[in-house]
Amino acid sequence: MSSSVLGAVTSAVEVTNIDRFGLWILVQEKEYFLSYEEYPWFQNAKLDQVLKVQLLHEGHLRWPELDVDLSIESLEHADNYPLIYK
């Protein structure tokens, strides 16, 4: 009798850490840091609002209670997607 593989990924996205500088999210085995300086929507949000992140499809993150949407592409190449108009 054999058992299933241990350690299988159960969630495609999860918040792995939150501190006074920002938060870390794990998306399909890759981790990203979202600083409050660059992503201010999360700084004063309630914990349960931040933890309720969804991966709508391969490249789209959504926090429905915060009305925040981010693309994975913008996290990987932030310089190409400025959040403040210059």
C-alpha atoms as a PDB file:
ATOM      1  CA  MET A   1       0.000   0.000   0.000  1.00  0.00           C
ATOM      2  CA  SER A   2       1.399   3.417  -0.903  1.00  0.00           C
ATOM      3  CA  SER A   3       0.338   6.810   0.337  1.00  0.00           C
ATOM      4  CA  SER A   4       0.075  10.097  -1.500  1.00  0.00           C
ATOM      5  CA  VAL A   5       3.032  12.423  -1.788  1.00  0.00           C
ATOM      6  CA  LEU A   6       3.503  14.562   1.310  1.00  0.00           C
ATOM      7  CA  GLY A   7       3.908  18.296   1.069  1.00  0.00           C
ATOM      8  CA  ALA A   8       1.710  18.869  -1.965  1.00  0.00           C
ATOM      9  CA  VAL A   9       0.725  22.483  -2.573  1.00  0.00           C
ATOM     10  CA  THR A  10      -2.819  23.031  -1.316  1.00  0.00           C
ATOM     11  CA  SER A  11      -3.160  26.698  -2.203  1.00  0.00           C
ATOM     12  CA  ALA A  12      -2.045  28.521  -5.326  1.00  0.00           C
ATOM     13  CA  VAL A  13      -1.595  31.759  -3.337  1.00  0.00           C
ATOM     14  CA  GLU A  14      -1.159  32.625   0.323  1.00  0.00           C
ATOM     15  CA  VAL A  15       0.152  35.412   2.512  1.00  0.00           C
ATOM     16  CA  THR A  16       3.194  33.951   4.267  1.00  0.00           C
ATOM     17  CA  ASN A  17       4.307  36.855   6.458  1.00  0.00           C
ATOM     18  CA  ILE A  18       3.243  40.349   7.509  1.00  0.00           C
ATOM     19  CA  ASP A  19       5.426  42.835   9.357  1.00  0.00           C
ATOM     20  CA  ARG A  20       5.773  46.600   9.782  1.00  0.00           C
ATOM     21  CA  PHE A  21       7.408  46.978   6.354  1.00  0.00           C
ATOM     22  CA  GLY A  22       5.003  44.991   4.202  1.00  0.00           C
ATOM     23  CA  LEU A  23       3.813  41.521   3.384  1.00  0.00           C
ATOM     24  CA  TRP A  24       5.079  38.440   1.596  1.00  0.00           C
ATOM     25  CA  ILE A  25       2.876  36.382  -0.662  1.00  0.00           C
ATOM     26  CA  LEU A  26       3.596  32.970  -2.095  1.00  0.00           C
ATOM     27  CA  VAL A  27       2.170  32.468  -5.569  1.00  0.00           C
ATOM     28  CA  GLN A  28       2.654  29.064  -7.145  1.00  0.00           C
ATOM     29  CA  GLU A  29       5.925  28.410  -5.306  1.00  0.00           C
ATOM     30  CA  LYS A  30       7.384  31.896  -5.905  1.00  0.00           C
ATOM     31  CA  GLU A  31       7.490  34.500  -3.134  1.00  0.00           C
ATOM     32  CA  TYR A  32       6.990  38.249  -3.559  1.00  0.00           C
ATOM     33  CA  PHE A  33       7.440  41.121  -1.099  1.00  0.00           C
ATOM     34  CA  LEU A  34       4.876  43.928  -1.207  1.00  0.00           C
ATOM     35  CA  SER A  35       6.168  46.892   0.758  1.00  0.00           C
ATOM     36  CA  TYR A  36       3.652  49.292   2.274  1.00  0.00           C
ATOM     37  CA  GLU A  37       5.572  52.118   0.627  1.00  0.00           C
ATOM     38  CA  GLU A  38       4.832  50.728  -2.827  1.00  0.00           C
ATOM     39  CA  TYR A  39       1.499  49.050  -1.999  1.00  0.00           C
ATOM     40  CA  PRO A  40      -0.124  51.334   0.614  1.00  0.00           C
ATOM     41  CA  TRP A  41      -3.555  49.661   0.394  1.00  0.00           C
ATOM     42  CA  PHE A  42      -2.399  46.892   2.716  1.00  0.00           C
ATOM     43  CA  GLN A  43      -0.847  48.991   5.489  1.00  0.00           C
ATOM     44  CA  ASN A  44      -4.033  49.839   7.405  1.00  0.00           C
ATOM     45  CA  ALA A  45      -6.110  46.892   6.232  1.00  0.00           C
ATOM     46  CA  LYS A  46      -7.463  44.358   8.681  1.00  0.00           C
ATOM     47  CA  LEU A  47      -5.599  41.077   8.897  1.00  0.00           C
ATOM     48  CA  ASP A  48      -8.490  39.002   7.572  1.00  0.00           C
ATOM     49  CA  GLN A  49      -8.827  41.346   4.566  1.00  0.00           C
ATOM     50  CA  VAL A  50      -5.161  40.880   3.645  1.00  0.00           C
ATOM     51  CA  LEU A  51      -5.296  37.108   4.085  1.00  0.00           C
ATOM     52  CA  LYS A  52      -8.275  36.732   1.727  1.00  0.00           C
ATOM     53  CA  VAL A  53      -6.252  36.837  -1.470  1.00  0.00           C
ATOM     54  CA  GLN A  54      -7.383  34.988  -4.575  1.00  0.00           C
ATOM     55  CA  LEU A  55      -5.550  33.838  -7.670  1.00  0.00           C
ATOM     56  CA  LEU A  56      -8.191  34.349 -10.357  1.00  0.00           C
ATOM     57  CA  HIS A  57      -6.045  32.891 -13.102  1.00  0.00           C
ATOM     58  CA  GLU A  58      -2.342  32.350 -13.676  1.00  0.00           C
ATOM     59  CA  GLY A  59      -1.439  36.021 -13.544  1.00  0.00           C
ATOM     60  CA  HIS A  60      -4.112  37.901 -11.583  1.00  0.00           C
ATOM     61  CA  LEU A  61      -4.251  38.417  -7.808  1.00  0.00           C
ATOM     62  CA  ARG A  62      -7.369  39.827  -6.154  1.00  0.00           C
ATOM     63  CA  TRP A  63      -8.159  41.030  -2.644  1.00  0.00           C
ATOM     64  CA  PRO A  64     -11.956  41.406  -2.910  1.00  0.00           C
ATOM     65  CA  GLU A  65     -12.525  43.068   0.463  1.00  0.00           C
ATOM     66  CA  LEU A  66      -9.871  45.696  -0.294  1.00  0.00           C
ATOM     67  CA  ASP A  67     -10.838  46.128  -3.961  1.00  0.00           C
ATOM     68  CA  VAL A  68      -7.199  45.548  -4.942  1.00  0.00           C
ATOM     69  CA  ASP A  69      -6.109  43.751  -8.107  1.00  0.00           C
ATOM     70  CA  LEU A  70      -2.490  43.098  -9.060  1.00  0.00           C
ATOM     71  CA  SER A  71      -0.913  41.204 -11.898  1.00  0.00           C
ATOM     72  CA  ILE A  72       1.995  38.848 -11.268  1.00  0.00           C
ATOM     73  CA  GLU A  73       3.760  40.593 -14.156  1.00  0.00           C
ATOM     74  CA  SER A  74       3.632  43.899 -12.244  1.00  0.00           C
ATOM     75  CA  LEU A  75       5.203  42.245  -9.188  1.00  0.00           C
ATOM     76  CA  GLU A  76       7.991  40.682 -11.227  1.00  0.00           C
ATOM     77  CA  HIS A  77       8.708  43.831 -13.266  1.00  0.00           C
ATOM     78  CA  ALA A  78       7.583  46.683 -11.024  1.00  0.00           C
ATOM     79  CA  ASP A  79       9.614  49.285 -12.949  1.00  0.00           C
ATOM     80  CA  ASN A  80       7.404  48.706 -15.982  1.00  0.00           C
ATOM     81  CA  TYR A  81       4.235  49.360 -13.948  1.00  0.00           C
ATOM     82  CA  PRO A  82       4.648  52.532 -11.865  1.00  0.00           C
ATOM     83  CA  LEU A  83       1.858  53.023  -9.345  1.00  0.00           C
ATOM     84  CA  ILE A  84       2.398  56.776  -9.215  1.00  0.00           C
ATOM     85  CA  TYR A  85       2.195  58.890 -12.336  1.00  0.00           C
ATOM     86  CA  LYS A  86       5.336  60.993 -12.874  1.00  0.00           C
END
